[in-house]
């Protein structure tokens, strides 16, 4: 079934707004490789002490994090709106000899089983902000009791001005918005700004600092 409005599933399995998919497909199609091809440094650092289980990689891009997690013994579900990116990610997974469950959808349209992931990783996600905090609640709702939400973003982007570029920070979700929703069911383990171990090459390499939010669901 194909319906060309937001919140629907298309014939090829994509669940979400076709305009969002098209925007990100265009970005990936402009370059043979958009990102560095290496796992994000904050993810590597924060996952070091965790026991592998089920992980949701939100906005997996070309799959570097997903492949790294799978190699580390995690059962990986990787979500992405761009079909171009997913094709590249699937190729990297095949080359690495790992199995990953790919989901072609926006986070709020993915119909993921609630409370089922031991780790939800969102590394620099472009999640649209809505009046009902749908994406923030979707991130939190995916975490299993005892599990961890790890949300990382570039420091300072939330305080930029729309006229600086085509990017309007007011339109997107930032770590502080998710932190504001944490209640007694959560323990805030990390909420800090730190230097970013920037990879060589790839979009975003010019950012020098991260905001890292790590929260554990208690029940």
N, C-alpha and C. Protein backbone atom coordinates (compact mmCIF):
# COMPACT_ATOMS: atom_id res chain seq x y z
N UNK A 1 0.85 -1.19 0.00
CA UNK A 1 0.00 0.00 0.00
C UNK A 1 0.88 1.24 0.00
N UNK A 2 0.54 2.23 -0.82
CA UNK A 2 1.28 3.46 -0.88
C UNK A 2 0.34 4.64 -0.69
N UNK A 3 0.65 5.48 0.29
CA UNK A 3 -0.07 6.73 0.48
C UNK A 3 0.97 7.82 0.71
N UNK A 4 0.89 8.90 -0.02
CA UNK A 4 1.95 9.89 -0.02
C UNK A 4 1.75 11.00 1.00
N UNK A 5 1.32 10.66 2.21
CA UNK A 5 1.31 11.66 3.27
C UNK A 5 1.99 11.10 4.50
N UNK A 6 2.28 12.02 5.44
CA UNK A 6 3.08 11.63 6.60
C UNK A 6 2.39 10.55 7.42
N UNK A 7 3.20 9.71 8.05
CA UNK A 7 2.66 8.71 8.95
C UNK A 7 2.07 7.51 8.26
N UNK A 8 2.52 7.21 7.06
CA UNK A 8 2.00 6.07 6.31
C UNK A 8 3.14 5.14 5.92
N UNK A 9 2.76 3.96 5.43
CA UNK A 9 3.75 2.99 4.96
C UNK A 9 3.65 2.87 3.45
N UNK A 10 4.78 2.99 2.77
CA UNK A 10 4.79 2.91 1.32
C UNK A 10 4.98 1.47 0.86
N UNK A 11 4.84 1.26 -0.43
CA UNK A 11 4.88 -0.09 -0.97
C UNK A 11 6.22 -0.77 -0.73
N UNK A 12 7.30 0.02 -0.65
CA UNK A 12 8.62 -0.59 -0.44
C UNK A 12 8.96 -0.73 1.04
N UNK A 13 7.99 -0.45 1.91
CA UNK A 13 8.20 -0.71 3.33
C UNK A 13 8.59 0.47 4.17
N UNK A 14 8.81 1.64 3.56
CA UNK A 14 9.18 2.82 4.33
C UNK A 14 7.97 3.34 5.10
N UNK A 15 8.17 3.61 6.39
CA UNK A 15 7.10 4.16 7.23
C UNK A 15 7.49 5.55 7.68
N UNK A 16 6.78 6.55 7.16
CA UNK A 16 7.07 7.92 7.54
C UNK A 16 6.72 8.89 6.44
N UNK A 17 7.21 10.10 6.60
CA UNK A 17 6.93 11.19 5.68
C UNK A 17 7.83 11.06 4.45
N UNK A 18 7.28 10.93 3.26
CA UNK A 18 8.12 10.80 2.06
C UNK A 18 9.05 11.99 1.84
N UNK A 19 8.64 13.18 2.27
CA UNK A 19 9.50 14.35 2.10
C UNK A 19 10.76 14.24 2.95
N UNK A 20 10.64 13.68 4.14
CA UNK A 20 11.82 13.48 5.00
C UNK A 20 12.76 12.47 4.36
N UNK A 21 12.19 11.40 3.87
CA UNK A 21 13.01 10.39 3.18
C UNK A 21 13.74 11.00 1.99
N UNK A 22 13.03 11.77 1.18
CA UNK A 22 13.63 12.36 -0.02
C UNK A 22 14.76 13.31 0.33
N UNK A 23 14.56 14.11 1.39
CA UNK A 23 15.59 15.06 1.81
C UNK A 23 16.89 14.34 2.16
N UNK A 24 16.78 13.27 2.93
CA UNK A 24 17.98 12.55 3.35
C UNK A 24 18.56 11.68 2.25
N UNK A 25 17.72 11.15 1.38
CA UNK A 25 18.24 10.43 0.22
C UNK A 25 19.09 11.36 -0.64
N UNK A 26 18.63 12.59 -0.82
CA UNK A 26 19.39 13.56 -1.62
C UNK A 26 20.73 13.87 -0.97
N UNK A 27 20.75 13.99 0.35
CA UNK A 27 22.01 14.30 1.04
C UNK A 27 23.01 13.17 0.86
N UNK A 28 22.55 11.95 1.00
CA UNK A 28 23.46 10.82 0.84
C UNK A 28 23.88 10.63 -0.61
N UNK A 29 22.97 10.87 -1.53
CA UNK A 29 23.28 10.66 -2.94
C UNK A 29 24.31 11.66 -3.45
N UNK A 30 24.44 12.80 -2.77
CA UNK A 30 25.41 13.81 -3.20
C UNK A 30 26.85 13.37 -3.01
N UNK A 31 27.08 12.39 -2.12
CA UNK A 31 28.44 11.95 -1.84
C UNK A 31 28.49 10.44 -1.79
N UNK A 32 29.59 9.88 -2.25
CA UNK A 32 29.73 8.42 -2.22
C UNK A 32 29.81 7.90 -0.80
N UNK A 33 30.31 8.73 0.11
CA UNK A 33 30.35 8.39 1.54
C UNK A 33 30.18 9.67 2.32
N UNK A 34 29.11 9.73 3.13
CA UNK A 34 28.82 10.96 3.86
C UNK A 34 29.57 11.05 5.18
N UNK A 35 29.69 9.90 5.88
CA UNK A 35 30.31 9.88 7.20
C UNK A 35 31.68 9.21 7.15
N UNK A 36 32.36 9.16 8.28
CA UNK A 36 33.76 8.71 8.32
C UNK A 36 33.91 7.21 8.12
N UNK A 37 32.85 6.44 8.43
CA UNK A 37 32.95 4.99 8.36
C UNK A 37 33.44 4.35 9.64
N UNK A 38 33.66 5.17 10.68
CA UNK A 38 34.10 4.64 11.97
C UNK A 38 33.02 4.89 13.03
N UNK A 39 32.94 4.06 14.06
CA UNK A 39 31.92 4.26 15.10
C UNK A 39 32.15 5.56 15.84
N UNK A 40 31.06 6.15 16.31
CA UNK A 40 31.16 7.40 17.04
C UNK A 40 31.87 7.20 18.38
N UNK A 41 32.77 8.14 18.70
CA UNK A 41 33.62 7.99 19.87
C UNK A 41 32.86 7.95 21.18
N UNK A 42 31.81 8.75 21.32
CA UNK A 42 31.04 8.73 22.56
C UNK A 42 30.34 7.40 22.76
N UNK A 43 29.87 6.81 21.67
CA UNK A 43 29.25 5.49 21.76
C UNK A 43 30.26 4.46 22.24
N UNK A 44 31.43 4.45 21.64
CA UNK A 44 32.47 3.49 22.02
C UNK A 44 32.81 3.63 23.51
N UNK A 45 32.93 4.87 23.97
CA UNK A 45 33.30 5.11 25.37
C UNK A 45 32.19 4.68 26.33
N UNK A 46 30.95 5.01 26.01
CA UNK A 46 29.85 4.75 26.94
C UNK A 46 29.40 3.30 26.95
N UNK A 47 29.63 2.58 25.87
CA UNK A 47 29.19 1.18 25.79
C UNK A 47 30.21 0.23 26.40
N UNK A 48 31.41 0.73 26.67
CA UNK A 48 32.51 -0.13 27.12
C UNK A 48 32.14 -1.00 28.31
N UNK A 49 31.37 -0.48 29.25
CA UNK A 49 31.06 -1.25 30.44
C UNK A 49 29.73 -1.97 30.41
N UNK A 50 29.05 -1.96 29.29
CA UNK A 50 27.73 -2.57 29.20
C UNK A 50 27.79 -4.00 28.70
N UNK A 51 26.89 -4.83 29.20
CA UNK A 51 26.78 -6.21 28.71
C UNK A 51 25.95 -6.20 27.43
N UNK A 52 26.46 -6.79 26.35
CA UNK A 52 25.71 -6.78 25.10
C UNK A 52 24.33 -7.41 25.24
N UNK A 53 23.37 -6.79 24.61
CA UNK A 53 22.00 -7.28 24.58
C UNK A 53 21.34 -6.77 23.32
N UNK A 54 20.09 -6.37 23.42
CA UNK A 54 19.38 -5.81 22.27
C UNK A 54 19.61 -4.30 22.21
N UNK A 55 19.97 -3.80 21.04
CA UNK A 55 20.24 -2.38 20.89
C UNK A 55 19.47 -1.83 19.69
N UNK A 56 18.95 -0.63 19.88
CA UNK A 56 18.33 0.13 18.79
C UNK A 56 19.26 1.28 18.43
N UNK A 57 19.71 1.31 17.18
CA UNK A 57 20.55 2.38 16.66
C UNK A 57 19.65 3.33 15.87
N UNK A 58 19.37 4.50 16.45
CA UNK A 58 18.43 5.45 15.86
C UNK A 58 19.18 6.37 14.90
N UNK A 59 18.77 6.38 13.64
CA UNK A 59 19.45 7.17 12.63
C UNK A 59 20.81 6.58 12.31
N UNK A 60 20.81 5.34 11.85
CA UNK A 60 22.05 4.56 11.72
C UNK A 60 22.94 5.02 10.57
N UNK A 61 22.42 5.84 9.66
CA UNK A 61 23.24 6.33 8.57
C UNK A 61 23.82 5.20 7.73
N UNK A 62 25.11 5.27 7.48
CA UNK A 62 25.78 4.27 6.65
C UNK A 62 26.23 3.05 7.45
N UNK A 63 25.85 2.97 8.72
CA UNK A 63 25.96 1.73 9.46
C UNK A 63 27.21 1.49 10.27
N UNK A 64 28.07 2.48 10.43
CA UNK A 64 29.33 2.25 11.17
C UNK A 64 29.08 1.83 12.61
N UNK A 65 28.18 2.53 13.29
CA UNK A 65 27.87 2.16 14.68
C UNK A 65 27.21 0.79 14.75
N UNK A 66 26.26 0.55 13.87
CA UNK A 66 25.53 -0.72 13.89
C UNK A 66 26.47 -1.90 13.67
N UNK A 67 27.37 -1.78 12.73
CA UNK A 67 28.33 -2.85 12.46
C UNK A 67 29.26 -3.04 13.65
N UNK A 68 29.73 -1.94 14.24
CA UNK A 68 30.61 -2.05 15.41
C UNK A 68 29.91 -2.74 16.56
N UNK A 69 28.67 -2.37 16.81
CA UNK A 69 27.90 -2.99 17.89
C UNK A 69 27.68 -4.48 17.62
N UNK A 70 27.35 -4.83 16.39
CA UNK A 70 27.13 -6.24 16.06
C UNK A 70 28.41 -7.04 16.23
N UNK A 71 29.52 -6.48 15.86
CA UNK A 71 30.80 -7.16 16.07
C UNK A 71 31.09 -7.37 17.55
N UNK A 72 30.55 -6.48 18.38
CA UNK A 72 30.75 -6.60 19.82
C UNK A 72 29.76 -7.51 20.51
N UNK A 73 28.92 -8.19 19.75
CA UNK A 73 28.00 -9.16 20.34
C UNK A 73 26.59 -8.65 20.57
N UNK A 74 26.30 -7.42 20.16
CA UNK A 74 24.96 -6.88 20.33
C UNK A 74 24.01 -7.40 19.25
N UNK A 75 22.75 -7.58 19.64
CA UNK A 75 21.67 -7.89 18.70
C UNK A 75 21.12 -6.55 18.23
N UNK A 76 21.44 -6.17 16.99
CA UNK A 76 21.25 -4.79 16.54
C UNK A 76 20.01 -4.64 15.66
N UNK A 77 19.18 -3.66 16.03
CA UNK A 77 18.13 -3.14 15.17
C UNK A 77 18.54 -1.72 14.80
N UNK A 78 18.65 -1.45 13.51
CA UNK A 78 19.14 -0.15 13.04
C UNK A 78 18.06 0.54 12.22
N UNK A 79 17.74 1.77 12.62
CA UNK A 79 16.64 2.51 12.02
C UNK A 79 17.18 3.71 11.25
N UNK A 80 16.61 3.95 10.07
CA UNK A 80 17.08 5.05 9.23
C UNK A 80 15.98 5.46 8.24
N UNK A 81 15.88 6.76 7.96
CA UNK A 81 14.87 7.23 7.00
C UNK A 81 15.36 7.15 5.56
N UNK A 82 16.67 7.20 5.34
CA UNK A 82 17.20 7.22 3.98
C UNK A 82 17.43 5.81 3.45
N UNK A 83 16.78 5.49 2.33
CA UNK A 83 17.03 4.20 1.70
C UNK A 83 18.42 4.12 1.11
N UNK A 84 18.96 5.24 0.65
CA UNK A 84 20.32 5.27 0.12
C UNK A 84 21.31 4.88 1.21
N UNK A 85 21.13 5.47 2.39
CA UNK A 85 22.02 5.15 3.51
C UNK A 85 21.88 3.69 3.92
N UNK A 86 20.66 3.20 3.97
CA UNK A 86 20.44 1.81 4.39
C UNK A 86 21.09 0.83 3.42
N UNK A 87 21.03 1.12 2.14
CA UNK A 87 21.69 0.25 1.17
C UNK A 87 23.19 0.18 1.43
N UNK A 88 23.78 1.32 1.71
CA UNK A 88 25.22 1.34 2.02
C UNK A 88 25.50 0.59 3.32
N UNK A 89 24.66 0.83 4.33
CA UNK A 89 24.85 0.17 5.62
C UNK A 89 24.76 -1.34 5.49
N UNK A 90 23.78 -1.81 4.72
CA UNK A 90 23.62 -3.25 4.52
C UNK A 90 24.84 -3.85 3.83
N UNK A 91 25.41 -3.10 2.90
CA UNK A 91 26.62 -3.57 2.24
C UNK A 91 27.79 -3.68 3.19
N UNK A 92 27.94 -2.69 4.09
CA UNK A 92 29.01 -2.75 5.08
C UNK A 92 28.81 -3.93 6.03
N UNK A 93 27.56 -4.20 6.39
CA UNK A 93 27.29 -5.34 7.27
C UNK A 93 27.63 -6.66 6.59
N UNK A 94 27.30 -6.78 5.32
CA UNK A 94 27.66 -8.00 4.58
C UNK A 94 29.18 -8.16 4.53
N UNK A 95 29.87 -7.07 4.26
CA UNK A 95 31.34 -7.15 4.20
C UNK A 95 31.93 -7.55 5.55
N UNK A 96 31.28 -7.13 6.63
CA UNK A 96 31.77 -7.43 7.97
C UNK A 96 31.31 -8.80 8.46
N UNK A 97 30.37 -9.42 7.75
CA UNK A 97 29.88 -10.73 8.14
C UNK A 97 29.00 -10.71 9.37
N UNK A 98 28.24 -9.61 9.56
CA UNK A 98 27.36 -9.50 10.72
C UNK A 98 25.91 -9.38 10.26
N UNK A 99 25.01 -9.76 11.15
CA UNK A 99 23.57 -9.69 10.87
C UNK A 99 22.96 -8.55 11.65
N UNK A 100 22.21 -7.71 10.94
CA UNK A 100 21.56 -6.55 11.54
C UNK A 100 20.14 -6.48 11.01
N UNK A 101 19.21 -6.13 11.89
CA UNK A 101 17.82 -5.96 11.47
C UNK A 101 17.63 -4.49 11.09
N UNK A 102 17.33 -4.24 9.82
CA UNK A 102 17.20 -2.88 9.32
C UNK A 102 15.73 -2.45 9.33
N UNK A 103 15.48 -1.23 9.77
CA UNK A 103 14.14 -0.68 9.79
C UNK A 103 14.15 0.64 9.02
N UNK A 104 13.39 0.70 7.93
CA UNK A 104 13.34 1.90 7.08
C UNK A 104 12.13 2.73 7.50
N UNK A 105 12.35 3.65 8.43
CA UNK A 105 11.23 4.38 9.01
C UNK A 105 11.71 5.57 9.82
N UNK A 106 10.79 6.51 10.05
CA UNK A 106 10.99 7.51 11.08
C UNK A 106 10.75 6.85 12.43
N UNK A 107 11.38 7.38 13.46
CA UNK A 107 11.30 6.76 14.78
C UNK A 107 9.86 6.61 15.26
N UNK A 108 9.06 7.65 15.09
CA UNK A 108 7.69 7.60 15.61
C UNK A 108 6.76 6.74 14.78
N UNK A 109 7.21 6.30 13.60
CA UNK A 109 6.36 5.49 12.72
C UNK A 109 6.85 4.05 12.62
N UNK A 110 7.87 3.69 13.37
CA UNK A 110 8.54 2.41 13.18
C UNK A 110 7.82 1.22 13.81
N UNK A 111 6.83 1.47 14.67
CA UNK A 111 6.09 0.39 15.33
C UNK A 111 7.03 -0.59 16.02
N UNK A 112 8.02 -0.06 16.74
CA UNK A 112 8.96 -0.90 17.48
C UNK A 112 8.29 -1.42 18.75
N UNK A 113 8.65 -2.61 19.19
CA UNK A 113 8.09 -3.13 20.44
C UNK A 113 8.52 -2.26 21.61
N UNK A 114 7.60 -1.74 22.39
CA UNK A 114 7.97 -0.83 23.47
C UNK A 114 8.74 -1.54 24.58
N UNK A 115 9.64 -0.82 25.20
CA UNK A 115 10.37 -1.33 26.35
C UNK A 115 11.16 -2.59 26.09
N UNK A 116 11.78 -2.70 24.92
CA UNK A 116 12.40 -3.98 24.56
C UNK A 116 13.89 -3.91 24.27
N UNK A 117 14.50 -2.73 24.39
CA UNK A 117 15.92 -2.61 24.04
C UNK A 117 16.76 -2.32 25.28
N UNK A 118 17.85 -3.07 25.42
CA UNK A 118 18.77 -2.87 26.53
C UNK A 118 19.60 -1.60 26.35
N UNK A 119 19.73 -1.16 25.11
CA UNK A 119 20.41 0.09 24.79
C UNK A 119 19.69 0.74 23.63
N UNK A 120 19.36 2.01 23.79
CA UNK A 120 18.88 2.83 22.67
C UNK A 120 19.94 3.90 22.44
N UNK A 121 20.58 3.84 21.28
CA UNK A 121 21.66 4.76 20.94
C UNK A 121 21.19 5.72 19.85
N UNK A 122 21.28 7.01 20.14
CA UNK A 122 20.94 8.04 19.15
C UNK A 122 22.11 9.00 19.08
N UNK A 123 22.92 8.85 18.04
CA UNK A 123 24.13 9.63 17.87
C UNK A 123 23.90 10.75 16.87
N UNK A 124 23.80 11.98 17.37
CA UNK A 124 23.58 13.16 16.54
C UNK A 124 22.32 13.04 15.68
N UNK A 125 21.21 12.62 16.27
CA UNK A 125 20.01 12.39 15.45
C UNK A 125 19.33 13.70 15.05
N UNK A 126 18.71 13.69 13.88
CA UNK A 126 17.90 14.83 13.41
C UNK A 126 16.44 14.46 13.62
N UNK A 127 16.00 14.56 14.86
CA UNK A 127 14.64 14.20 15.22
C UNK A 127 13.78 15.45 15.30
N UNK A 128 12.73 15.53 14.50
CA UNK A 128 11.89 16.73 14.51
C UNK A 128 11.20 16.94 15.87
N UNK A 129 11.14 18.19 16.27
CA UNK A 129 10.45 18.56 17.50
C UNK A 129 8.97 18.76 17.22
N UNK A 130 8.12 18.23 18.10
CA UNK A 130 6.67 18.39 17.97
C UNK A 130 6.09 18.82 19.30
N UNK A 131 4.88 19.34 19.26
CA UNK A 131 4.26 19.86 20.48
C UNK A 131 3.99 18.78 21.52
N UNK A 132 3.85 17.53 21.07
CA UNK A 132 3.58 16.43 22.00
C UNK A 132 4.84 15.65 22.39
N UNK A 133 6.02 16.16 22.01
CA UNK A 133 7.30 15.51 22.35
C UNK A 133 7.31 14.05 21.91
N UNK A 134 6.80 13.79 20.72
CA UNK A 134 6.65 12.40 20.26
C UNK A 134 7.98 11.68 20.13
N UNK A 135 9.00 12.33 19.58
CA UNK A 135 10.28 11.66 19.40
C UNK A 135 11.00 11.45 20.73
N UNK A 136 10.90 12.42 21.62
CA UNK A 136 11.51 12.25 22.94
C UNK A 136 10.89 11.05 23.65
N UNK A 137 9.57 10.97 23.60
CA UNK A 137 8.87 9.87 24.27
C UNK A 137 9.13 8.53 23.58
N UNK A 138 9.33 8.55 22.27
CA UNK A 138 9.65 7.32 21.56
C UNK A 138 11.02 6.79 21.96
N UNK A 139 11.99 7.68 22.12
CA UNK A 139 13.32 7.26 22.59
C UNK A 139 13.22 6.59 23.96
N UNK A 140 12.55 7.27 24.88
CA UNK A 140 12.43 6.74 26.24
C UNK A 140 11.61 5.46 26.26
N UNK A 141 10.56 5.42 25.47
CA UNK A 141 9.67 4.27 25.49
C UNK A 141 10.27 3.00 24.93
N UNK A 142 11.32 3.12 24.15
CA UNK A 142 11.95 1.93 23.56
C UNK A 142 12.88 1.21 24.52
N UNK A 143 13.27 1.87 25.62
CA UNK A 143 14.25 1.31 26.55
C UNK A 143 13.59 0.31 27.49
N UNK A 144 14.20 -0.85 27.64
CA UNK A 144 13.70 -1.87 28.56
C UNK A 144 14.06 -1.50 30.00
N UNK A 145 13.30 -1.98 30.98
CA UNK A 145 13.70 -1.80 32.38
C UNK A 145 15.12 -2.33 32.61
N UNK A 146 15.94 -1.51 33.22
CA UNK A 146 17.35 -1.86 33.40
C UNK A 146 18.23 -1.41 32.25
N UNK A 147 17.61 -0.98 31.16
CA UNK A 147 18.35 -0.58 29.98
C UNK A 147 18.78 0.87 30.01
N UNK A 148 19.52 1.27 28.96
CA UNK A 148 20.16 2.58 28.91
C UNK A 148 19.76 3.32 27.64
N UNK A 149 19.48 4.60 27.80
CA UNK A 149 19.35 5.51 26.66
C UNK A 149 20.63 6.32 26.57
N UNK A 150 21.25 6.33 25.40
CA UNK A 150 22.44 7.13 25.15
C UNK A 150 22.15 8.08 24.00
N UNK A 151 22.07 9.36 24.32
CA UNK A 151 21.78 10.39 23.33
C UNK A 151 22.95 11.36 23.28
N UNK A 152 23.54 11.51 22.10
CA UNK A 152 24.71 12.36 21.92
C UNK A 152 24.42 13.38 20.82
N UNK A 153 24.80 14.63 21.08
CA UNK A 153 24.63 15.65 20.05
C UNK A 153 25.80 16.62 20.07
N UNK A 154 25.92 17.39 19.00
CA UNK A 154 26.96 18.40 18.92
C UNK A 154 26.64 19.56 19.86
N UNK A 155 27.58 19.93 20.68
CA UNK A 155 27.37 21.02 21.62
C UNK A 155 27.18 22.33 20.88
N UNK A 156 26.24 23.13 21.38
CA UNK A 156 26.04 24.46 20.84
C UNK A 156 25.07 24.57 19.70
N UNK A 157 24.72 23.46 19.08
CA UNK A 157 23.82 23.54 17.93
C UNK A 157 22.42 23.98 18.33
N UNK A 158 22.02 23.67 19.55
CA UNK A 158 20.66 24.02 19.99
C UNK A 158 20.50 25.51 20.25
N UNK A 159 21.60 26.24 20.32
CA UNK A 159 21.52 27.67 20.59
C UNK A 159 21.84 28.51 19.35
N UNK A 160 21.96 27.87 18.20
CA UNK A 160 22.22 28.60 16.97
C UNK A 160 21.01 29.38 16.51
N UNK A 161 21.18 30.12 15.43
CA UNK A 161 20.10 30.93 14.89
C UNK A 161 19.75 30.45 13.49
N UNK A 162 18.48 30.43 13.16
CA UNK A 162 18.07 29.93 11.84
C UNK A 162 18.74 30.64 10.68
N UNK A 163 19.05 31.93 10.84
CA UNK A 163 19.63 32.65 9.71
C UNK A 163 21.09 32.30 9.47
N UNK A 164 21.72 31.56 10.41
CA UNK A 164 23.11 31.15 10.22
C UNK A 164 23.25 30.15 9.08
N UNK A 165 22.20 29.40 8.81
CA UNK A 165 22.22 28.38 7.77
C UNK A 165 20.78 27.99 7.48
N UNK A 166 20.61 26.96 6.68
CA UNK A 166 19.26 26.47 6.42
C UNK A 166 18.73 25.66 7.61
N UNK A 167 19.57 25.40 8.59
CA UNK A 167 19.21 24.58 9.74
C UNK A 167 18.59 25.43 10.83
N UNK A 168 17.39 25.07 11.27
CA UNK A 168 16.71 25.78 12.35
C UNK A 168 16.72 24.92 13.60
N UNK A 169 17.52 25.26 14.60
CA UNK A 169 17.63 24.40 15.79
C UNK A 169 16.32 24.24 16.55
N UNK A 170 15.42 25.21 16.43
CA UNK A 170 14.14 25.12 17.14
C UNK A 170 13.26 24.01 16.60
N UNK A 171 13.61 23.48 15.46
CA UNK A 171 12.78 22.44 14.83
C UNK A 171 13.17 21.03 15.26
N UNK A 172 14.21 20.89 16.08
CA UNK A 172 14.73 19.56 16.38
C UNK A 172 14.82 19.29 17.89
N UNK A 173 14.94 18.01 18.20
CA UNK A 173 15.04 17.54 19.58
C UNK A 173 16.50 17.58 20.04
N UNK A 174 16.72 18.09 21.25
CA UNK A 174 18.06 18.16 21.84
C UNK A 174 18.08 17.40 23.17
N UNK A 175 19.26 17.00 23.64
CA UNK A 175 19.34 16.20 24.86
C UNK A 175 18.61 16.80 26.05
N UNK A 176 18.66 18.11 26.22
CA UNK A 176 18.00 18.73 27.38
C UNK A 176 16.49 18.49 27.37
N UNK A 177 15.91 18.37 26.18
CA UNK A 177 14.47 18.12 26.08
C UNK A 177 14.13 16.71 26.56
N UNK A 178 14.99 15.77 26.27
CA UNK A 178 14.79 14.40 26.74
C UNK A 178 15.03 14.33 28.24
N UNK A 179 16.09 14.98 28.71
CA UNK A 179 16.39 14.98 30.14
C UNK A 179 15.23 15.54 30.95
N UNK A 180 14.53 16.53 30.39
CA UNK A 180 13.42 17.16 31.11
C UNK A 180 12.25 16.21 31.32
N UNK A 181 12.20 15.12 30.56
CA UNK A 181 11.10 14.16 30.68
C UNK A 181 11.41 13.01 31.62
N UNK A 182 12.64 12.94 32.10
CA UNK A 182 13.01 11.84 33.00
C UNK A 182 12.30 11.99 34.34
N UNK A 183 11.71 10.90 34.80
CA UNK A 183 11.01 10.92 36.08
C UNK A 183 11.65 9.92 37.04
N UNK A 184 10.92 9.53 38.06
CA UNK A 184 11.49 8.63 39.08
C UNK A 184 11.78 7.23 38.55
N UNK A 185 11.31 6.92 37.36
CA UNK A 185 11.61 5.63 36.75
C UNK A 185 12.99 5.60 36.11
N UNK A 186 13.70 6.73 36.16
CA UNK A 186 14.99 6.85 35.48
C UNK A 186 16.07 7.34 36.44
N UNK A 187 17.29 6.89 36.16
CA UNK A 187 18.48 7.42 36.84
C UNK A 187 19.36 8.09 35.80
N UNK A 188 19.64 9.37 36.00
CA UNK A 188 20.50 10.11 35.08
C UNK A 188 21.95 9.81 35.43
N UNK A 189 22.64 9.11 34.56
CA UNK A 189 24.02 8.67 34.84
C UNK A 189 25.05 9.66 34.30
N UNK A 190 24.79 10.24 33.15
CA UNK A 190 25.71 11.20 32.54
C UNK A 190 24.90 12.29 31.88
N UNK A 191 25.27 13.54 32.13
CA UNK A 191 24.67 14.69 31.45
C UNK A 191 25.74 15.77 31.43
N UNK A 192 26.54 15.78 30.37
CA UNK A 192 27.70 16.65 30.37
C UNK A 192 28.13 17.02 28.96
N UNK A 193 28.93 18.06 28.89
CA UNK A 193 29.60 18.42 27.65
C UNK A 193 31.04 17.98 27.75
N UNK A 194 31.56 17.40 26.67
CA UNK A 194 32.93 16.92 26.67
C UNK A 194 33.56 17.07 25.28
N UNK A 195 34.89 17.08 25.21
CA UNK A 195 35.54 17.14 23.89
C UNK A 195 35.15 15.93 23.05
N UNK A 196 34.95 16.16 21.78
CA UNK A 196 34.55 15.11 20.86
C UNK A 196 35.78 14.52 20.17
N UNK A 197 35.94 13.18 20.25
CA UNK A 197 37.01 12.55 19.47
C UNK A 197 36.62 12.52 18.01
N UNK A 198 36.94 13.59 17.28
CA UNK A 198 36.47 13.75 15.91
C UNK A 198 37.20 12.81 14.96
N UNK A 199 36.46 12.08 14.13
CA UNK A 199 37.09 11.22 13.15
C UNK A 199 37.65 12.02 11.99
N UNK A 200 38.55 11.43 11.24
CA UNK A 200 39.08 12.07 10.04
C UNK A 200 38.03 11.98 8.93
N UNK A 201 37.72 13.13 8.35
CA UNK A 201 36.79 13.13 7.23
C UNK A 201 35.36 12.93 7.66
N UNK A 202 34.47 13.06 6.71
CA UNK A 202 33.06 12.86 6.98
C UNK A 202 32.38 14.13 7.44
N UNK A 203 31.10 14.24 7.15
CA UNK A 203 30.33 15.40 7.58
C UNK A 203 30.33 15.49 9.10
N UNK A 204 30.39 16.71 9.61
CA UNK A 204 30.36 16.91 11.05
C UNK A 204 31.71 16.86 11.72
N UNK A 205 32.78 16.63 10.95
CA UNK A 205 34.11 16.50 11.55
C UNK A 205 34.58 17.80 12.19
N UNK A 206 33.97 18.92 11.82
CA UNK A 206 34.40 20.21 12.36
C UNK A 206 33.88 20.48 13.77
N UNK A 207 32.93 19.68 14.24
CA UNK A 207 32.41 19.89 15.60
C UNK A 207 33.43 19.37 16.62
N UNK A 208 33.67 20.15 17.66
CA UNK A 208 34.73 19.82 18.61
C UNK A 208 34.24 19.29 19.95
N UNK A 209 32.97 19.53 20.30
CA UNK A 209 32.46 19.13 21.60
C UNK A 209 31.10 18.44 21.45
N UNK A 210 30.87 17.49 22.35
CA UNK A 210 29.60 16.75 22.40
C UNK A 210 28.85 17.07 23.68
N UNK A 211 27.53 16.97 23.60
CA UNK A 211 26.69 16.86 24.78
C UNK A 211 26.27 15.39 24.88
N UNK A 212 26.57 14.77 26.01
CA UNK A 212 26.31 13.35 26.20
C UNK A 212 25.28 13.17 27.31
N UNK A 213 24.18 12.51 26.96
CA UNK A 213 23.13 12.19 27.92
C UNK A 213 23.01 10.67 27.99
N UNK A 214 23.20 10.15 29.20
CA UNK A 214 23.06 8.72 29.41
C UNK A 214 22.15 8.51 30.62
N UNK A 215 21.05 7.80 30.40
CA UNK A 215 20.07 7.57 31.46
C UNK A 215 19.68 6.10 31.50
N UNK A 216 19.52 5.58 32.69
CA UNK A 216 19.13 4.18 32.88
C UNK A 216 17.69 4.09 33.37
N UNK A 217 16.93 3.25 32.70
CA UNK A 217 15.54 3.02 33.14
C UNK A 217 15.53 2.04 34.30
N UNK A 218 14.97 2.44 35.42
CA UNK A 218 14.98 1.63 36.62
C UNK A 218 13.84 0.61 36.63
N UNK A 219 12.70 0.98 36.06
CA UNK A 219 11.54 0.10 36.06
C UNK A 219 10.56 0.49 34.96
